[in-house]
PDB file of all heavy atoms in Angstrom:
ATOM      1  N   GLN A   1     118.553 124.725  97.564  1.00  0.00           N
ATOM      2  CA  GLN A   1     117.259 125.272  97.126  1.00  0.00           C
ATOM      3  C   GLN A   1     116.436 124.123  96.556  1.00  0.00           C
ATOM      4  O   GLN A   1     116.778 123.600  95.469  1.00  0.00           O
ATOM      5  CB  GLN A   1     117.470 126.398  96.120  1.00  0.00           C
ATOM      6  CG  GLN A   1     118.215 127.593  96.662  1.00  0.00           C
ATOM      7  CD  GLN A   1     117.479 128.230  97.833  1.00  0.00           C
ATOM      8  OE1 GLN A   1     116.314 128.580  97.733  1.00  0.00           O
ATOM      9  NE2 GLN A   1     118.191 128.398  98.946  1.00  0.00           N
ATOM     10  N   VAL A   2     115.389 123.744  97.213  1.00  0.00           N
ATOM     11  CA  VAL A   2     114.658 122.509  96.860  1.00  0.00           C
ATOM     12  C   VAL A   2     113.194 122.829  96.594  1.00  0.00           C
ATOM     13  O   VAL A   2     112.477 123.325  97.496  1.00  0.00           O
ATOM     14  CB  VAL A   2     114.776 121.475  98.007  1.00  0.00           C
ATOM     15  CG1 VAL A   2     114.067 120.196  97.592  1.00  0.00           C
ATOM     16  CG2 VAL A   2     116.217 121.220  98.362  1.00  0.00           C
ATOM     17  N   ASP A   3     112.738 122.590  95.362  1.00  0.00           N
ATOM     18  CA  ASP A   3     111.330 122.686  95.053  1.00  0.00           C
ATOM     19  C   ASP A   3     110.757 121.265  94.996  1.00  0.00           C
ATOM     20  O   ASP A   3     111.450 120.281  95.250  1.00  0.00           O
ATOM     21  CB  ASP A   3     111.075 123.468  93.768  1.00  0.00           C
ATOM     22  CG  ASP A   3     111.680 122.813  92.529  1.00  0.00           C
ATOM     23  OD1 ASP A   3     112.104 121.611  92.622  1.00  0.00           O
ATOM     24  OD2 ASP A   3     111.732 123.453  91.470  1.00  0.00           O
ATOM     25  N   LEU A   4     109.469 121.146  94.583  1.00  0.00           N
ATOM     26  CA  LEU A   4     108.820 119.825  94.620  1.00  0.00           C
ATOM     27  C   LEU A   4     109.498 118.828  93.707  1.00  0.00           C
ATOM     28  O   LEU A   4     109.714 117.667  94.071  1.00  0.00           O
ATOM     29  CB  LEU A   4     107.347 119.964  94.223  1.00  0.00           C
ATOM     30  CG  LEU A   4     106.564 118.646  94.197  1.00  0.00           C
ATOM     31  CD1 LEU A   4     106.558 117.950  95.532  1.00  0.00           C
ATOM     32  CD2 LEU A   4     105.115 118.880  93.708  1.00  0.00           C
ATOM     33  N   ARG A   5     109.925 119.294  92.498  1.00  0.00           N
ATOM     34  CA  ARG A   5     110.592 118.381  91.571  1.00  0.00           C
ATOM     35  C   ARG A   5     111.870 117.848  92.191  1.00  0.00           C
ATOM     36  O   ARG A   5     112.125 116.639  92.177  1.00  0.00           O
ATOM     37  CB  ARG A   5     110.891 119.089  90.249  1.00  0.00           C
ATOM     38  CG  ARG A   5     111.496 118.163  89.184  1.00  0.00           C
ATOM     39  CD  ARG A   5     111.874 118.954  87.938  1.00  0.00           C
ATOM     40  NE  ARG A   5     112.283 118.078  86.849  1.00  0.00           N
ATOM     41  CZ  ARG A   5     113.471 117.485  86.754  1.00  0.00           C
ATOM     42  NH1 ARG A   5     114.374 117.662  87.723  1.00  0.00           N
ATOM     43  NH2 ARG A   5     113.762 116.700  85.727  1.00  0.00           N
ATOM     44  N   ASP A   6     112.684 118.733  92.745  1.00  0.00           N
ATOM     45  CA  ASP A   6     113.936 118.310  93.354  1.00  0.00           C
ATOM     46  C   ASP A   6     113.661 117.343  94.507  1.00  0.00           C
ATOM     47  O   ASP A   6     114.348 116.341  94.675  1.00  0.00           O
ATOM     48  CB  ASP A   6     114.714 119.510  93.900  1.00  0.00           C
ATOM     49  CG  ASP A   6     115.098 120.504  92.795  1.00  0.00           C
ATOM     50  OD1 ASP A   6     115.377 120.046  91.678  1.00  0.00           O
ATOM     51  OD2 ASP A   6     115.100 121.725  93.086  1.00  0.00           O
ATOM     52  N   ALA A   7     112.662 117.666  95.299  1.00  0.00           N
ATOM     53  CA  ALA A   7     112.366 116.866  96.477  1.00  0.00           C
ATOM     54  C   ALA A   7     111.939 115.449  96.121  1.00  0.00           C
ATOM     55  O   ALA A   7     112.288 114.489  96.814  1.00  0.00           O
ATOM     56  CB  ALA A   7     111.279 117.540  97.314  1.00  0.00           C
ATOM     57  N   LEU A   8     111.154 115.299  95.033  1.00  0.00           N
ATOM     58  CA  LEU A   8     110.718 113.973  94.606  1.00  0.00           C
ATOM     59  C   LEU A   8     111.863 113.229  93.899  1.00  0.00           C
ATOM     60  O   LEU A   8     112.068 112.024  94.139  1.00  0.00           O
ATOM     61  CB  LEU A   8     109.504 114.064  93.691  1.00  0.00           C
ATOM     62  CG  LEU A   8     108.184 114.421  94.395  1.00  0.00           C
ATOM     63  CD1 LEU A   8     107.074 114.726  93.362  1.00  0.00           C
ATOM     64  CD2 LEU A   8     107.731 113.302  95.330  1.00  0.00           C
ATOM     65  N   VAL A   9     112.588 113.939  93.048  1.00  0.00           N
ATOM     66  CA  VAL A   9     113.678 113.299  92.284  1.00  0.00           C
ATOM     67  C   VAL A   9     114.751 112.766  93.240  1.00  0.00           C
ATOM     68  O   VAL A   9     115.235 111.630  93.090  1.00  0.00           O
ATOM     69  CB  VAL A   9     114.287 114.299  91.259  1.00  0.00           C
ATOM     70  CG1 VAL A   9     115.595 113.737  90.708  1.00  0.00           C
ATOM     71  CG2 VAL A   9     113.290 114.548  90.127  1.00  0.00           C
ATOM     72  N   ARG A  10     115.123 113.575  94.215  1.00  0.00           N
ATOM     73  CA  ARG A  10     116.197 113.184  95.145  1.00  0.00           C
ATOM     74  C   ARG A  10     115.643 112.572  96.445  1.00  0.00           C
ATOM     75  O   ARG A  10     116.405 112.139  97.279  1.00  0.00           O
ATOM     76  CB  ARG A  10     117.060 114.403  95.481  1.00  0.00           C
ATOM     77  CG  ARG A  10     117.781 115.012  94.282  1.00  0.00           C
ATOM     78  CD  ARG A  10     118.404 116.353  94.693  1.00  0.00           C
ATOM     79  NE  ARG A  10     119.006 117.010  93.539  1.00  0.00           N
ATOM     80  CZ  ARG A  10     120.329 116.999  93.287  1.00  0.00           C
ATOM     81  NH1 ARG A  10     121.159 116.320  94.079  1.00  0.00           N
ATOM     82  NH2 ARG A  10     120.804 117.651  92.252  1.00  0.00           N
ATOM     83  N   SER A  11     114.336 112.572  96.582  1.00  0.00           N
ATOM     84  CA  SER A  11     113.674 111.984  97.745  1.00  0.00           C
ATOM     85  C   SER A  11     114.113 112.671  99.047  1.00  0.00           C
ATOM     86  O   SER A  11     114.678 112.039  99.950  1.00  0.00           O
ATOM     87  CB  SER A  11     113.916 110.494  97.823  1.00  0.00           C
ATOM     88  OG  SER A  11     112.897 109.852  98.557  1.00  0.00           O
ATOM     89  N   ASP A  12     113.825 113.949  99.161  1.00  0.00           N
ATOM     90  CA  ASP A  12     114.290 114.787 100.279  1.00  0.00           C
ATOM     91  C   ASP A  12     113.296 114.714 101.457  1.00  0.00           C
ATOM     92  O   ASP A  12     112.212 115.293 101.409  1.00  0.00           O
ATOM     93  CB  ASP A  12     114.464 116.242  99.812  1.00  0.00           C
ATOM     94  CG  ASP A  12     115.280 117.041 100.771  1.00  0.00           C
ATOM     95  OD1 ASP A  12     115.125 116.863 101.998  1.00  0.00           O
ATOM     96  OD2 ASP A  12     116.106 117.862 100.303  1.00  0.00           O
ATOM     97  N   ASN A  13     113.707 114.047 102.525  1.00  0.00           N
ATOM     98  CA  ASN A  13     112.847 113.919 103.699  1.00  0.00           C
ATOM     99  C   ASN A  13     112.532 115.249 104.357  1.00  0.00           C
ATOM    100  O   ASN A  13     111.416 115.476 104.817  1.00  0.00           O
ATOM    101  CB  ASN A  13     113.495 112.990 104.734  1.00  0.00           C
ATOM    102  CG  ASN A  13     113.525 111.543 104.299  1.00  0.00           C
ATOM    103  OD1 ASN A  13     112.838 111.155 103.360  1.00  0.00           O
ATOM    104  ND2 ASN A  13     114.332 110.745 104.978  1.00  0.00           N
ATOM    105  N   ILE A  14     113.532 116.118 104.425  1.00  0.00           N
ATOM    106  CA  ILE A  14     113.338 117.387 105.113  1.00  0.00           C
ATOM    107  C   ILE A  14     112.242 118.228 104.439  1.00  0.00           C
ATOM    108  O   ILE A  14     111.384 118.830 105.103  1.00  0.00           O
ATOM    109  CB  ILE A  14     114.665 118.180 105.181  1.00  0.00           C
ATOM    110  CG1 ILE A  14     115.650 117.417 106.066  1.00  0.00           C
ATOM    111  CG2 ILE A  14     114.433 119.592 105.705  1.00  0.00           C
ATOM    112  CD1 ILE A  14     117.041 118.045 106.085  1.00  0.00           C
ATOM    113  N   TYR A  15     112.238 118.243 103.087  1.00  0.00           N
ATOM    114  CA  TYR A  15     111.238 118.996 102.342  1.00  0.00           C
ATOM    115  C   TYR A  15     109.836 118.566 102.750  1.00  0.00           C
ATOM    116  O   TYR A  15     108.954 119.387 103.057  1.00  0.00           O
ATOM    117  CB  TYR A  15     111.469 118.817 100.851  1.00  0.00           C
ATOM    118  CG  TYR A  15     110.475 119.531  99.969  1.00  0.00           C
ATOM    119  CD1 TYR A  15     110.717 120.802  99.508  1.00  0.00           C
ATOM    120  CD2 TYR A  15     109.265 118.921  99.596  1.00  0.00           C
ATOM    121  CE1 TYR A  15     109.800 121.472  98.700  1.00  0.00           C
ATOM    122  CE2 TYR A  15     108.336 119.552  98.798  1.00  0.00           C
ATOM    123  CZ  TYR A  15     108.628 120.845  98.326  1.00  0.00           C
ATOM    124  OH  TYR A  15     107.707 121.500  97.544  1.00  0.00           O
ATOM    125  N   PHE A  16     109.593 117.256 102.752  1.00  0.00           N
ATOM    126  CA  PHE A  16     108.234 116.765 103.016  1.00  0.00           C
ATOM    127  C   PHE A  16     107.880 116.868 104.490  1.00  0.00           C
ATOM    128  O   PHE A  16     106.706 117.042 104.836  1.00  0.00           O
ATOM    129  CB  PHE A  16     108.105 115.329 102.490  1.00  0.00           C
ATOM    130  CG  PHE A  16     108.102 115.287 100.995  1.00  0.00           C
ATOM    131  CD1 PHE A  16     109.255 114.950 100.293  1.00  0.00           C
ATOM    132  CD2 PHE A  16     106.985 115.616 100.274  1.00  0.00           C
ATOM    133  CE1 PHE A  16     109.282 114.926  98.911  1.00  0.00           C
ATOM    134  CE2 PHE A  16     106.988 115.602  98.873  1.00  0.00           C
ATOM    135  CZ  PHE A  16     108.144 115.269  98.205  1.00  0.00           C
ATOM    136  N   ALA A  17     108.875 116.778 105.375  1.00  0.00           N
ATOM    137  CA  ALA A  17     108.608 117.002 106.805  1.00  0.00           C
ATOM    138  C   ALA A  17     108.131 118.425 107.039  1.00  0.00           C
ATOM    139  O   ALA A  17     107.150 118.656 107.778  1.00  0.00           O
ATOM    140  CB  ALA A  17     109.871 116.717 107.618  1.00  0.00           C
ATOM    141  N   ARG A  18     108.790 119.380 106.412  1.00  0.00           N
ATOM    142  CA  ARG A  18     108.406 120.780 106.607  1.00  0.00           C
ATOM    143  C   ARG A  18     107.061 121.096 105.944  1.00  0.00           C
ATOM    144  O   ARG A  18     106.237 121.832 106.503  1.00  0.00           O
ATOM    145  CB  ARG A  18     109.494 121.688 106.037  1.00  0.00           C
ATOM    146  CG  ARG A  18     110.772 121.668 106.883  1.00  0.00           C
ATOM    147  CD  ARG A  18     111.911 122.413 106.249  1.00  0.00           C
ATOM    148  NE  ARG A  18     111.609 123.803 105.998  1.00  0.00           N
ATOM    149  CZ  ARG A  18     112.491 124.673 105.453  1.00  0.00           C
ATOM    150  NH1 ARG A  18     113.714 124.264 105.127  1.00  0.00           N
ATOM    151  NH2 ARG A  18     112.147 125.940 105.261  1.00  0.00           N
ATOM    152  N   GLU A  19     106.827 120.491 104.782  1.00  0.00           N
ATOM    153  CA  GLU A  19     105.573 120.753 104.061  1.00  0.00           C
ATOM    154  C   GLU A  19     104.360 120.201 104.820  1.00  0.00           C
ATOM    155  O   GLU A  19     103.308 120.820 104.869  1.00  0.00           O
ATOM    156  CB  GLU A  19     105.633 120.193 102.641  1.00  0.00           C
ATOM    157  CG  GLU A  19     106.545 120.935 101.700  1.00  0.00           C
ATOM    158  CD  GLU A  19     106.057 122.370 101.414  1.00  0.00           C
ATOM    159  OE1 GLU A  19     104.890 122.675 101.740  1.00  0.00           O
ATOM    160  OE2 GLU A  19     106.853 123.168 100.867  1.00  0.00           O
ATOM    161  N   ILE A  20     104.500 119.007 105.403  1.00  0.00           N
ATOM    162  CA  ILE A  20     103.334 118.427 106.101  1.00  0.00           C
ATOM    163  C   ILE A  20     103.036 119.207 107.368  1.00  0.00           C
ATOM    164  O   ILE A  20     101.865 119.327 107.782  1.00  0.00           O
ATOM    165  CB  ILE A  20     103.554 116.920 106.405  1.00  0.00           C
ATOM    166  CG1 ILE A  20     102.207 116.260 106.728  1.00  0.00           C
ATOM    167  CG2 ILE A  20     104.538 116.698 107.537  1.00  0.00           C
ATOM    168  CD1 ILE A  20     102.249 114.753 106.879  1.00  0.00           C
ATOM    169  N   VAL A  21     104.060 119.763 108.009  1.00  0.00           N
ATOM    170  CA  VAL A  21     103.832 120.601 109.184  1.00  0.00           C
ATOM    171  C   VAL A  21     103.043 121.839 108.802  1.00  0.00           C
ATOM    172  O   VAL A  21     102.160 122.309 109.553  1.00  0.00           O
ATOM    173  CB  VAL A  21     105.156 120.974 109.871  1.00  0.00           C
ATOM    174  CG1 VAL A  21     104.929 122.040 110.940  1.00  0.00           C
ATOM    175  CG2 VAL A  21     105.793 119.726 110.479  1.00  0.00           C
ATOM    176  N   GLU A  22     103.286 122.374 107.604  1.00  0.00           N
ATOM    177  CA  GLU A  22     102.531 123.512 107.098  1.00  0.00           C
ATOM    178  C   GLU A  22     101.055 123.150 106.886  1.00  0.00           C
ATOM    179  O   GLU A  22     100.169 123.949 107.125  1.00  0.00           O
ATOM    180  CB  GLU A  22     103.130 124.032 105.792  1.00  0.00           C
ATOM    181  CG  GLU A  22     104.442 124.790 105.971  1.00  0.00           C
ATOM    182  CD  GLU A  22     104.225 126.066 106.746  1.00  0.00           C
ATOM    183  OE1 GLU A  22     103.248 126.803 106.465  1.00  0.00           O
ATOM    184  OE2 GLU A  22     105.005 126.346 107.692  1.00  0.00           O
ATOM    185  N   ILE A  23     100.836 121.933 106.409  1.00  0.00           N
ATOM    186  CA  ILE A  23      99.435 121.488 106.185  1.00  0.00           C
ATOM    187  C   ILE A  23      98.719 121.370 107.503  1.00  0.00           C
ATOM    188  O   ILE A  23      97.546 121.790 107.669  1.00  0.00           O
ATOM    189  CB  ILE A  23      99.398 120.137 105.437  1.00  0.00           C
ATOM    190  CG1 ILE A  23     100.065 120.255 104.072  1.00  0.00           C
ATOM    191  CG2 ILE A  23      97.974 119.613 105.304  1.00  0.00           C
ATOM    192  CD1 ILE A  23     100.314 118.919 103.395  1.00  0.00           C
ATOM    193  N   GLY A  24      99.384 120.789 108.509  1.00  0.00           N
ATOM    194  CA  GLY A  24      98.772 120.587 109.820  1.00  0.00           C
ATOM    195  C   GLY A  24      98.223 119.179 109.975  1.00  0.00           C
ATOM    196  O   GLY A  24      97.740 118.589 109.012  1.00  0.00           O
ATOM    197  N   ALA A  25      98.305 118.665 111.182  1.00  0.00           N
ATOM    198  CA  ALA A  25      97.961 117.254 111.447  1.00  0.00           C
ATOM    199  C   ALA A  25      96.485 116.970 111.136  1.00  0.00           C
ATOM    200  O   ALA A  25      96.163 115.981 110.439  1.00  0.00           O
ATOM    201  CB  ALA A  25      98.268 116.896 112.894  1.00  0.00           C
ATOM    202  N   GLU A  26      95.579 117.803 111.612  1.00  0.00           N
ATOM    203  CA  GLU A  26      94.157 117.504 111.449  1.00  0.00           C
ATOM    204  C   GLU A  26      93.747 117.580 109.986  1.00  0.00           C
ATOM    205  O   GLU A  26      93.038 116.689 109.472  1.00  0.00           O
ATOM    206  CB  GLU A  26      93.326 118.480 112.266  1.00  0.00           C
ATOM    207  CG  GLU A  26      91.831 118.189 112.246  1.00  0.00           C
ATOM    208  CD  GLU A  26      91.029 119.083 113.149  1.00  0.00           C
ATOM    209  OE1 GLU A  26      91.651 119.789 114.000  1.00  0.00           O
ATOM    210  OE2 GLU A  26      89.790 119.133 112.989  1.00  0.00           O
ATOM    211  N   ASP A  27      94.176 118.619 109.267  1.00  0.00           N
ATOM    212  CA  ASP A  27      93.824 118.770 107.861  1.00  0.00           C
ATOM    213  C   ASP A  27      94.434 117.644 107.042  1.00  0.00           C
ATOM    214  O   ASP A  27      93.800 117.128 106.104  1.00  0.00           O
ATOM    215  CB  ASP A  27      94.278 120.129 107.323  1.00  0.00           C
ATOM    216  CG  ASP A  27      93.441 121.270 107.868  1.00  0.00           C
ATOM    217  OD1 ASP A  27      92.351 121.002 108.410  1.00  0.00           O
ATOM    218  OD2 ASP A  27      93.874 122.449 107.750  1.00  0.00           O
ATOM    219  N   PHE A  28      95.695 117.286 107.378  1.00  0.00           N
ATOM    220  CA  PHE A  28      96.326 116.227 106.592  1.00  0.00           C
ATOM    221  C   PHE A  28      95.597 114.899 106.801  1.00  0.00           C
ATOM    222  O   PHE A  28      95.357 114.151 105.838  1.00  0.00           O
ATOM    223  CB  PHE A  28      97.813 116.066 107.001  1.00  0.00           C
ATOM    224  CG  PHE A  28      98.525 115.064 106.130  1.00  0.00           C
ATOM    225  CD1 PHE A  28      99.078 115.448 104.909  1.00  0.00           C
ATOM    226  CD2 PHE A  28      98.630 113.728 106.513  1.00  0.00           C
ATOM    227  CE1 PHE A  28      99.714 114.501 104.103  1.00  0.00           C
ATOM    228  CE2 PHE A  28      99.248 112.806 105.707  1.00  0.00           C
ATOM    229  CZ  PHE A  28      99.803 113.198 104.500  1.00  0.00           C
ATOM    230  N   LEU A  29      95.264 114.597 108.016  1.00  0.00           N
ATOM    231  CA  LEU A  29      94.599 113.343 108.309  1.00  0.00           C
ATOM    232  C   LEU A  29      93.245 113.245 107.581  1.00  0.00           C
ATOM    233  O   LEU A  29      92.904 112.201 107.009  1.00  0.00           O
ATOM    234  CB  LEU A  29      94.387 113.185 109.807  1.00  0.00           C
ATOM    235  CG  LEU A  29      93.899 111.819 110.339  1.00  0.00           C
ATOM    236  CD1 LEU A  29      94.833 110.712 109.894  1.00  0.00           C
ATOM    237  CD2 LEU A  29      93.785 111.859 111.827  1.00  0.00           C
ATOM    238  N   GLN A  30      92.503 114.333 107.572  1.00  0.00           N
ATOM    239  CA  GLN A  30      91.207 114.324 106.882  1.00  0.00           C
ATOM    240  C   GLN A  30      91.387 114.128 105.386  1.00  0.00           C
ATOM    241  O   GLN A  30      90.641 113.411 104.740  1.00  0.00           O
ATOM    242  CB  GLN A  30      90.447 115.630 107.152  1.00  0.00           C
ATOM    243  CG  GLN A  30      89.936 115.740 108.589  1.00  0.00           C
ATOM    244  CD  GLN A  30      89.039 114.585 108.973  1.00  0.00           C
ATOM    245  OE1 GLN A  30      88.121 114.200 108.226  1.00  0.00           O
ATOM    246  NE2 GLN A  30      89.314 113.981 110.113  1.00  0.00           N
ATOM    247  N   SER A  31      92.371 114.809 104.798  1.00  0.00           N
ATOM    248  CA  SER A  31      92.629 114.671 103.362  1.00  0.00           C
ATOM    249  C   SER A  31      93.146 113.276 103.016  1.00  0.00           C
ATOM    250  O   SER A  31      92.800 112.718 101.978  1.00  0.00           O
ATOM    251  CB  SER A  31      93.657 115.734 102.895  1.00  0.00           C
ATOM    252  OG  SER A  31      93.146 117.036 103.063  1.00  0.00           O
ATOM    253  N   ALA A  32      93.946 112.694 103.912  1.00  0.00           N
ATOM    254  CA  ALA A  32      94.494 111.362 103.659  1.00  0.00           C
ATOM    255  C   ALA A  32      93.384 110.313 103.608  1.00  0.00           C
ATOM    256  O   ALA A  32      93.496 109.303 102.917  1.00  0.00           O
ATOM    257  CB  ALA A  32      95.515 110.998 104.715  1.00  0.00           C
ATOM    258  N   LYS A  33      92.289 110.576 104.342  1.00  0.00           N
ATOM    259  CA  LYS A  33      91.175 109.614 104.313  1.00  0.00           C
ATOM    260  C   LYS A  33      90.546 109.544 102.927  1.00  0.00           C
ATOM    261  O   LYS A  33      89.936 108.538 102.570  1.00  0.00           O
ATOM    262  CB  LYS A  33      90.142 110.014 105.368  1.00  0.00           C
ATOM    263  CG  LYS A  33      90.612 109.769 106.795  1.00  0.00           C
ATOM    264  CD  LYS A  33      89.581 110.165 107.827  1.00  0.00           C
ATOM    265  CE  LYS A  33      90.102 109.860 109.228  1.00  0.00           C
ATOM    266  NZ  LYS A  33      89.117 110.256 110.288  1.00  0.00           N
ATOM    267  N   GLN A  34      90.705 110.602 102.104  1.00  0.00           N
ATOM    268  CA  GLN A  34      90.213 110.559 100.755  1.00  0.00           C
ATOM    269  C   GLN A  34      91.006 109.558  99.901  1.00  0.00           C
ATOM    270  O   GLN A  34      90.541 109.133  98.844  1.00  0.00           O
ATOM    271  CB  GLN A  34      90.295 111.937 100.117  1.00  0.00           C
ATOM    272  CG  GLN A  34      89.196 112.911 100.551  1.00  0.00           C
ATOM    273  CD  GLN A  34      87.841 112.413 100.085  1.00  0.00           C
ATOM    274  OE1 GLN A  34      87.094 111.820 100.860  1.00  0.00           O
ATOM    275  NE2 GLN A  34      87.514 112.639  98.826  1.00  0.00           N
ATOM    276  N   PHE A  35      92.178 109.192 100.381  1.00  0.00           N
ATOM    277  CA  PHE A  35      92.986 108.181  99.698  1.00  0.00           C
ATOM    278  C   PHE A  35      92.713 106.781 100.226  1.00  0.00           C
ATOM    279  O   PHE A  35      93.375 105.818  99.863  1.00  0.00           O
ATOM    280  CB  PHE A  35      94.487 108.501  99.845  1.00  0.00           C
ATOM    281  CG  PHE A  35      94.949 109.620  98.990  1.00  0.00           C
ATOM    282  CD1 PHE A  35      94.833 110.961  99.403  1.00  0.00           C
ATOM    283  CD2 PHE A  35      95.516 109.373  97.717  1.00  0.00           C
ATOM    284  CE1 PHE A  35      95.259 112.004  98.601  1.00  0.00           C
ATOM    285  CE2 PHE A  35      95.952 110.431  96.904  1.00  0.00           C
ATOM    286  CZ  PHE A  35      95.816 111.736  97.346  1.00  0.00           C
ATOM    287  N   GLY A  36      91.698 106.628 101.069  1.00  0.00           N
ATOM    288  CA  GLY A  36      91.273 105.326 101.551  1.00  0.00           C
ATOM    289  C   GLY A  36      91.883 104.863 102.846  1.00  0.00           C
ATOM    290  O   GLY A  36      91.714 103.718 103.255  1.00  0.00           O
ATOM    291  N   PHE A  37      92.624 105.750 103.535  1.00  0.00           N
ATOM    292  CA  PHE A  37      93.192 105.374 104.785  1.00  0.00           C
ATOM    293  C   PHE A  37      92.143 105.317 105.887  1.00  0.00           C
ATOM    294  O   PHE A  37      91.150 106.029 105.842  1.00  0.00           O
ATOM    295  CB  PHE A  37      94.317 106.366 105.213  1.00  0.00           C
ATOM    296  CG  PHE A  37      95.570 106.228 104.393  1.00  0.00           C
ATOM    297  CD1 PHE A  37      95.721 106.970 103.222  1.00  0.00           C
ATOM    298  CD2 PHE A  37      96.563 105.343 104.767  1.00  0.00           C
ATOM    299  CE1 PHE A  37      96.869 106.830 102.458  1.00  0.00           C
ATOM    300  CE2 PHE A  37      97.706 105.219 104.024  1.00  0.00           C
ATOM    301  CZ  PHE A  37      97.877 105.955 102.862  1.00  0.00           C
ATOM    302  N   HIS A  38      92.372 104.422 106.838  1.00  0.00           N
ATOM    303  CA  HIS A  38      91.449 104.252 107.982  1.00  0.00           C
ATOM    304  C   HIS A  38      90.038 103.832 107.551  1.00  0.00           C
ATOM    305  O   HIS A  38      89.043 104.245 108.137  1.00  0.00           O
ATOM    306  CB  HIS A  38      91.391 105.524 108.827  1.00  0.00           C
ATOM    307  CG  HIS A  38      92.680 105.864 109.525  1.00  0.00           C
ATOM    308  ND1 HIS A  38      93.059 105.288 110.705  1.00  0.00           N
ATOM    309  CD2 HIS A  38      93.689 106.704 109.159  1.00  0.00           C
ATOM    310  CE1 HIS A  38      94.233 105.767 111.062  1.00  0.00           C
ATOM    311  NE2 HIS A  38      94.644 106.604 110.127  1.00  0.00           N
ATOM    312  N   GLU A  39      89.989 103.005 106.527  1.00  0.00           N
ATOM    313  CA  GLU A  39      88.688 102.403 106.156  1.00  0.00           C
ATOM    314  C   GLU A  39      88.932 101.058 105.469  1.00  0.00           C
ATOM    315  O   GLU A  39      90.043 100.751 105.044  1.00  0.00           O
ATOM    316  CB  GLU A  39      87.897 103.327 105.235  1.00  0.00           C
ATOM    317  CG  GLU A  39      88.471 103.560 103.862  1.00  0.00           C
ATOM    318  CD  GLU A  39      87.549 104.440 103.001  1.00  0.00           C
ATOM    319  OE1 GLU A  39      86.680 103.855 102.327  1.00  0.00           O
ATOM    320  OE2 GLU A  39      87.704 105.682 103.024  1.00  0.00           O
TER     321      GLU A  39
END
């Protein structure tokens, strides 16, 4: 049973793989640009 704290503390790849799929590729890419990517 893995929540965000567990996933960051133990660095769980599966948790973040599943979570980003929920966000979706297009929405994630647009949000990531707010962090300065692709500029």
